[in-house]
Every structure is written in structure tokens, then in C-alpha cells.
Protein backbone atom coordinates (compact mmCIF):
# COMPACT_ATOMS: atom_id res chain seq x y z
CA MET A 1 -0.14 0.02 0.10
CA THR A 2 1.40 3.43 -1.08
CA ARG A 3 0.23 6.32 0.92
CA PRO A 4 0.15 10.40 0.56
CA ALA A 5 3.30 11.60 2.64
CA ASN A 6 1.26 14.88 3.38
CA ARG A 7 -1.97 13.65 5.05
CA ARG A 8 -3.46 17.07 4.73
CA ASN A 9 -4.38 16.85 0.97
CA GLN A 10 -5.13 13.13 1.22
CA THR A 11 -8.20 12.13 -0.53
CA VAL A 12 -8.13 8.37 -1.67
CA GLU A 13 -5.45 5.69 -1.01
CA PHE A 14 -3.84 3.60 -3.92
CA VAL A 15 -4.38 0.16 -2.92
CA ARG A 16 -3.41 -2.82 -4.84
CA ALA A 17 -6.06 -5.46 -5.80
CA SER A 18 -4.35 -8.06 -3.79
CA SER A 19 -3.86 -6.66 -0.59
CA ARG A 20 -7.93 -6.54 -0.14
CA ARG A 21 -9.72 -9.83 0.69
CA GLY A 22 -13.30 -10.62 0.83
CA ARG A 23 -15.70 -7.56 1.38
CA SER A 24 -13.15 -5.20 1.24
CA ARG A 25 -12.31 -5.95 -2.66
CA ALA A 26 -15.70 -6.54 -3.22
CA ARG A 27 -16.57 -2.44 -1.82
CA SER A 28 -13.39 -1.37 -4.25
CA TRP A 29 -15.14 -2.96 -7.41
CA LEU A 30 -18.28 -0.41 -6.84
CA PRO A 31 -16.57 2.88 -8.40
CA SER A 32 -15.42 0.65 -11.63
CA LEU A 33 -19.53 -0.21 -11.84
CA PHE A 34 -20.68 3.42 -12.17
CA THR A 35 -17.41 3.64 -14.72
CA LEU A 36 -18.70 0.66 -16.50
CA GLY A 37 -22.31 2.51 -16.99
CA ASN A 38 -19.82 5.66 -18.19
CA MET A 39 -18.72 3.83 -21.06
CA LEU A 40 -21.71 2.15 -21.94
CA CYS A 41 -24.00 5.64 -21.93
CA GLY A 42 -20.99 6.87 -24.15
CA PHE A 43 -21.23 3.93 -26.66
CA ALA A 44 -25.10 4.14 -26.82
CA ALA A 45 -24.58 8.23 -27.76
CA ILE A 46 -22.60 7.15 -30.53
CA LEU A 47 -24.75 4.44 -31.71
CA VAL A 48 -27.77 6.77 -31.56
CA SER A 49 -25.67 10.33 -32.99
CA PHE A 50 -25.62 8.20 -36.48
CA ARG A 51 -29.09 7.69 -36.39
CA GLY A 52 -29.78 11.85 -35.83
CA GLN A 53 -30.92 11.02 -32.41
CA TYR A 54 -28.96 14.31 -31.22
CA GLY A 55 -30.67 15.68 -27.95
CA LEU A 56 -30.81 11.91 -26.72
CA ALA A 57 -27.28 11.54 -27.86
CA CYS A 58 -26.30 14.58 -25.79
CA VAL A 59 -28.65 13.17 -22.98
CA LEU A 60 -26.40 10.00 -23.07
CA ILE A 61 -23.46 11.89 -22.62
CA GLY A 62 -25.11 13.94 -19.85
CA ALA A 63 -25.55 10.39 -17.98
CA SER A 64 -21.81 9.68 -18.48
CA VAL A 65 -20.77 13.03 -16.78
CA VAL A 66 -23.00 12.65 -13.90
CA LEU A 67 -21.84 8.17 -13.71
CA ASP A 68 -17.93 9.84 -14.04
CA ILE A 69 -18.48 11.87 -10.71
CA ALA A 70 -20.24 9.31 -9.22
CA ASP A 71 -17.77 6.82 -9.60
CA GLY A 72 -15.35 9.13 -7.83
CA ALA A 73 -17.82 9.89 -4.93
CA VAL A 74 -18.01 5.99 -4.42
CA ALA A 75 -14.34 5.67 -4.23
CA ARG A 76 -14.28 8.25 -1.84
CA LEU A 77 -16.86 6.52 0.06
CA VAL A 78 -15.09 3.29 -0.06
CA GLY A 79 -11.82 4.85 0.67
CA ALA A 80 -9.29 3.11 -1.76
CA VAL A 81 -8.78 3.30 -5.44
CA SER A 82 -7.24 0.75 -7.44
CA PRO A 83 -4.43 1.46 -10.09
CA PHE A 84 -7.01 -0.94 -12.21
CA GLY A 85 -9.84 1.39 -11.54
CA LEU A 86 -7.93 4.53 -12.42
CA GLN A 87 -7.10 3.42 -15.73
CA PHE A 88 -10.23 1.96 -16.33
CA ASP A 89 -11.58 5.61 -15.60
CA SER A 90 -9.54 7.27 -18.19
CA LEU A 91 -10.18 4.46 -21.07
CA ALA A 92 -14.09 5.07 -20.52
CA ASP A 93 -13.59 8.78 -20.53
CA LEU A 94 -11.91 8.68 -23.76
CA VAL A 95 -15.26 6.88 -25.17
CA SER A 96 -17.71 8.68 -23.67
CA PHE A 97 -16.21 12.35 -23.45
CA GLY A 98 -13.55 12.06 -26.61
CA LEU A 99 -15.13 9.32 -29.02
CA ALA A 100 -18.90 10.36 -28.21
CA PRO A 101 -18.79 14.47 -28.29
CA SER A 102 -16.16 14.19 -31.53
CA LEU A 103 -18.84 11.66 -33.21
CA LEU A 104 -22.11 13.19 -32.57
CA THR A 105 -20.66 16.44 -33.81
CA PHE A 106 -19.30 14.99 -37.27
CA ALA A 107 -22.60 13.65 -37.86
CA LEU A 108 -24.42 16.64 -36.75
CA PHE A 109 -21.88 18.27 -39.47
CA SER A 110 -21.95 16.36 -42.05
CA ALA A 111 -25.77 16.00 -42.19
CA GLY A 112 -26.98 15.87 -45.83
CA ARG A 113 -23.26 16.41 -46.88
CA ASP A 114 -22.36 14.26 -50.05
CA GLY A 115 -18.85 13.43 -50.34
CA PHE A 116 -15.16 13.56 -48.26
CA ASP A 117 -15.09 16.13 -46.01
CA PRO A 118 -11.90 16.67 -44.77
CA LEU A 119 -12.70 19.75 -42.52
CA GLY A 120 -14.71 18.11 -40.62
CA TRP A 121 -12.49 15.16 -40.46
CA ILE A 122 -9.71 16.57 -38.97
CA ALA A 123 -11.41 18.98 -36.74
CA CYS A 124 -13.00 15.83 -34.97
CA PHE A 125 -9.40 13.88 -34.84
CA ILE A 126 -8.27 17.05 -33.42
CA TRP A 127 -10.51 16.53 -30.55
CA VAL A 128 -10.07 13.32 -29.80
CA ALA A 129 -6.23 13.42 -30.03
CA CYS A 130 -6.67 16.27 -27.38
CA ALA A 131 -8.73 14.14 -25.13
CA ALA A 132 -6.53 11.06 -25.42
CA ILE A 133 -3.30 13.20 -24.26
CA ARG A 134 -5.09 15.23 -21.67
CA LEU A 135 -6.25 11.86 -20.19
CA ALA A 136 -2.76 10.12 -20.74
CA ARG A 137 -0.97 13.34 -19.10
CA PHE A 138 -3.90 12.83 -16.39
CA ASN A 139 -2.45 9.38 -15.81
CA VAL A 140 1.20 9.94 -15.76
CA THR A 141 1.09 12.99 -13.59
CA ILE A 142 -0.75 12.50 -10.73
CA ASP A 143 0.71 13.35 -7.32
CA PRO A 144 -1.02 12.57 -4.55
CA THR A 145 0.34 15.99 -2.27
CA ALA A 146 -0.94 18.22 -5.60
CA ASP A 147 -4.05 20.81 -4.71
CA LYS A 148 -7.24 18.75 -5.86
CA ARG A 149 -9.14 21.71 -6.34
CA PHE A 150 -7.83 22.39 -9.79
CA PHE A 151 -7.87 20.66 -13.00
CA VAL A 152 -4.55 21.56 -15.49
CA GLY A 153 -6.29 21.79 -18.57
CA LEU A 154 -9.82 21.77 -19.67
CA PRO A 155 -10.94 18.15 -17.99
CA SER A 156 -12.36 16.31 -20.63
CA PRO A 157 -16.45 16.27 -18.87
CA GLY A 158 -16.59 19.79 -18.93
CA ALA A 159 -15.71 20.27 -22.60
CA ALA A 160 -18.29 17.40 -23.45
CA GLY A 161 -20.56 20.14 -21.74
CA VAL A 162 -19.76 22.62 -23.96
CA VAL A 163 -20.50 20.56 -27.03
CA MET A 164 -23.48 18.93 -25.40
CA ALA A 165 -25.11 22.28 -24.50
CA SER A 166 -24.31 23.89 -28.34
CA VAL A 167 -25.65 21.10 -30.00
CA PHE A 168 -28.59 20.56 -27.66
CA ALA A 169 -29.51 24.80 -27.93
CA PHE A 170 -28.44 25.23 -31.64
CA SER A 171 -28.58 21.51 -33.30
CA ASP A 172 -31.63 23.00 -35.72
CA VAL A 173 -28.71 25.81 -37.24
CA LEU A 174 -25.43 23.97 -36.55
CA GLU A 175 -27.27 20.52 -38.75
CA GLY A 176 -25.51 20.43 -42.24
CA ARG A 177 -24.42 24.27 -42.29
CA ASP A 178 -22.52 27.07 -40.67
CA ARG A 179 -19.53 25.08 -40.44
CA LEU A 180 -16.88 27.59 -38.71
CA TRP A 181 -19.68 27.39 -35.69
CA VAL A 182 -19.43 23.71 -35.19
CA LEU A 183 -15.92 23.94 -35.92
CA LEU A 184 -15.17 26.32 -33.14
CA VAL A 185 -17.37 23.97 -30.83
CA VAL A 186 -14.99 21.18 -31.26
CA VAL A 187 -11.60 22.46 -32.31
CA VAL A 188 -11.40 25.34 -29.30
CA PRO A 189 -12.82 23.44 -26.23
CA GLY A 190 -10.42 20.17 -27.50
CA LEU A 191 -7.24 22.84 -27.62
CA LEU A 192 -8.17 23.77 -24.02
CA MET A 193 -8.37 20.38 -22.91
CA VAL A 194 -4.27 20.32 -23.55
CA SER A 195 -3.99 23.87 -22.11
CA ASN A 196 -2.04 24.48 -19.14
CA ILE A 197 -4.99 27.09 -17.57
CA ARG A 198 -6.07 25.38 -14.37
CA TRP A 199 -10.01 24.82 -13.77
CA ARG A 200 -11.80 24.26 -10.45
CA SER A 201 -12.30 20.93 -9.43
CA PHE A 202 -16.11 20.22 -8.61
CA ARG A 203 -15.31 16.57 -7.26
CA SER A 204 -13.95 17.50 -3.82
CA LEU A 205 -17.48 19.50 -3.40
CA VAL A 206 -19.05 15.86 -4.36
CA SER A 207 -17.01 14.05 -1.89
CA PRO A 208 -18.46 12.67 1.52
CA LYS A 209 -16.14 14.73 3.40
CA SER A 210 -17.09 17.83 1.96
CA ARG A 211 -16.79 20.35 4.56
CA ARG A 212 -19.39 22.45 2.24
CA PRO A 213 -21.96 21.01 1.85
CA TYR A 214 -25.28 23.54 1.27
CA GLY A 215 -23.20 25.19 -1.20
CA LEU A 216 -23.58 22.61 -3.05
CA VAL A 217 -27.00 21.39 -2.60
CA THR A 218 -27.84 24.63 -3.49
CA ALA A 219 -27.01 24.89 -6.61
CA ALA A 220 -27.63 21.56 -7.21
CA VAL A 221 -31.40 22.76 -6.48
CA LEU A 222 -31.03 25.66 -8.64
CA ILE A 223 -29.56 23.29 -11.55
CA ILE A 224 -32.41 21.20 -11.53
CA VAL A 225 -34.95 23.41 -11.52
CA GLY A 226 -33.80 25.07 -14.34
CA LEU A 227 -33.44 22.31 -16.04
CA ALA A 228 -37.14 21.16 -15.63
CA THR A 229 -38.02 25.16 -16.44
CA VAL A 230 -35.91 26.49 -19.32
CA PRO A 231 -33.08 23.59 -20.19
CA VAL A 232 -31.69 25.05 -22.83
CA LEU A 233 -30.61 28.32 -21.04
CA THR A 234 -29.51 26.28 -18.32
CA PHE A 235 -27.60 23.66 -20.12
CA CYS A 236 -25.44 26.68 -21.57
CA LEU A 237 -25.26 28.63 -18.25
CA VAL A 238 -23.58 25.66 -16.67
CA ALA A 239 -21.39 24.50 -19.93
CA TYR A 240 -20.17 27.80 -21.05
CA GLY A 241 -20.08 29.39 -17.51
CA TYR A 242 -17.72 26.56 -16.32
CA LEU A 243 -15.96 26.79 -19.65
CA PHE A 244 -15.01 30.46 -19.04
CA SER A 245 -14.72 30.24 -15.10
CA PRO A 246 -10.69 31.24 -15.23
CA LEU A 247 -11.27 34.31 -16.60
CA LEU A 248 -15.18 34.73 -14.46
CA VAL A 249 -14.18 33.14 -11.38
CA PRO A 250 -11.45 35.61 -10.35
CA LEU A 251 -13.60 38.47 -11.49
CA VAL A 252 -16.73 37.25 -8.95
CA SER A 253 -14.36 36.17 -5.88
CA PRO A 254 -13.72 39.77 -4.07
CA LEU A 255 -17.41 40.53 -5.09
CA GLY A 256 -18.47 37.11 -2.77
CA ARG A 257 -16.18 38.39 -0.06
CA LEU A 258 -17.67 41.67 -0.30
CA VAL A 259 -20.77 41.04 0.19
CA PRO A 260 -20.35 38.87 3.31
CA ALA A 261 -18.84 41.49 5.14
CA ARG A 262 -21.11 44.17 4.04
CA ALA A 263 -23.95 42.21 5.23
CA LYS A 264 -22.07 42.26 8.49
CA GLU A 265 -21.43 45.72 9.00
CA LEU A 266 -25.10 46.02 8.47
CA LEU A 267 -26.28 44.28 11.15
CA SER A 268 -23.83 44.91 13.88
């Protein structure tokens, strides 16, 4: 068993499967069941994309995002992550957030077109290549003592969210035309996946050990209500808000500290 040197930043333990026995070993497989569901939804999204069911494909990729977050939360609840589970999660992410969004966009982009279109092929391959590079880089640079609050490079589920929101909101406009917008939806988030820009990680917020559950619950309720009432607007706000969060958070954070301080002055 290997343990992080800095216990303050410890979030999971990396445990060899051979060191687990009985019920403990069975619990260690629970996260992989969610990972398998993640891969299944991504694979189904690919199949329905080529049948022209773009909205359903977006829903399935969204389910993959939920399952991807859930497997991390379950792993933290179990208290250990196996090296197998880590690699399996990356392979599932490559299917759900690498191949599925790329092929969904390609199916939308090529709808009604005849013949070979190298521009669409190249743009969608750029997405797949960047997703693979991003996941490989994440696997080989895991540092148990690193700041778990941030990802280096746009996380692949977040990038997939941009594609989902764009297709969900503008599929009628994008289908078979307006290729520049389609290419921007694929190429820009794809390149951001391999950038050195830091994005906030929300996995720590869904950890069973999170110390700020009320803010998380409030945000989840607002998103659910928004999706039930104005789904397109909510979807776009969440996806594009996260995409631009490295620019928005430094601007909003001072306001977040100012409001409670001002409220305290008024009450005193």
C-alpha cells in the first residue's frame, strides 16, 4: 500500500487489488460499476448520433458525466482506489468524452452532405487526440500531494458539456451548415483540454468529506429547477460558465467576499 506523504491533502488511498480480501475487495469494485455505466452511455451516444438522434445523444453523454462524477464520489466513500480502476476510468472517459462528442459533432456536421469532407474529419480528430493526450497526461502526472481543487487543462467532461450544450441548443442551426461554428465548438474546447490553464475541480465538493454541503445542495437544486423549467438556457449557462470560469472566478471572487462583509456591517 502506498500512502501520500502529506496527509492534509490526502483524498484517496491507492491500494493494490491483491492486498484486499473478501468484502473489502468487493467494495473496491463499486466505483468500476459506475465507470462501466459511464462507458455504456458513451457508447450508446455514438450509436444514436448516427441515427440523427442528437438530443438523445446529448442526454446520454450527460448521463456519462453524472456517472463519472459518481464513481469518484463512491471511490472516496469506499476510501481506496485501485490502479486498475484509475486506468479503467480513463478508458471509459476516452469513449464517453473523447469519441462520443467528436462523433456526435461529426454526424451533425456531415448531415445532408455528400462526399469526403476533410475539414470535418480533421476537426473531430483534433478533439479525440486532445482528449487522449489530456487523459494520458492526467494519468502519468498524478501527485497525491497536489492541490485537488484544480485541474490543469479543461477536464474532458467539461469540454463535452460545451458540445452537448451547443448541440442541444443550436442543432437545428448547426445541422449540415454553419461549419465555422461547428468547428469552433470542437476545436476550441479540444485545445483547451491540453492547455496549462487551471479549472476548478468540483469532485472535492461531492466528496463525502466535503465541508461545504449546503452550497453544493443549493447549486444542485437551482440547476435541477433550471433544467426542468428552462433547460436550454440552464444547460448553456452551466457549460459555458464552466468553460469561461478561469476568467470569471477572479472577477466574481472579490464580490463574494465583499457581500458577507457588508452584510455583517449592516447587522452590527
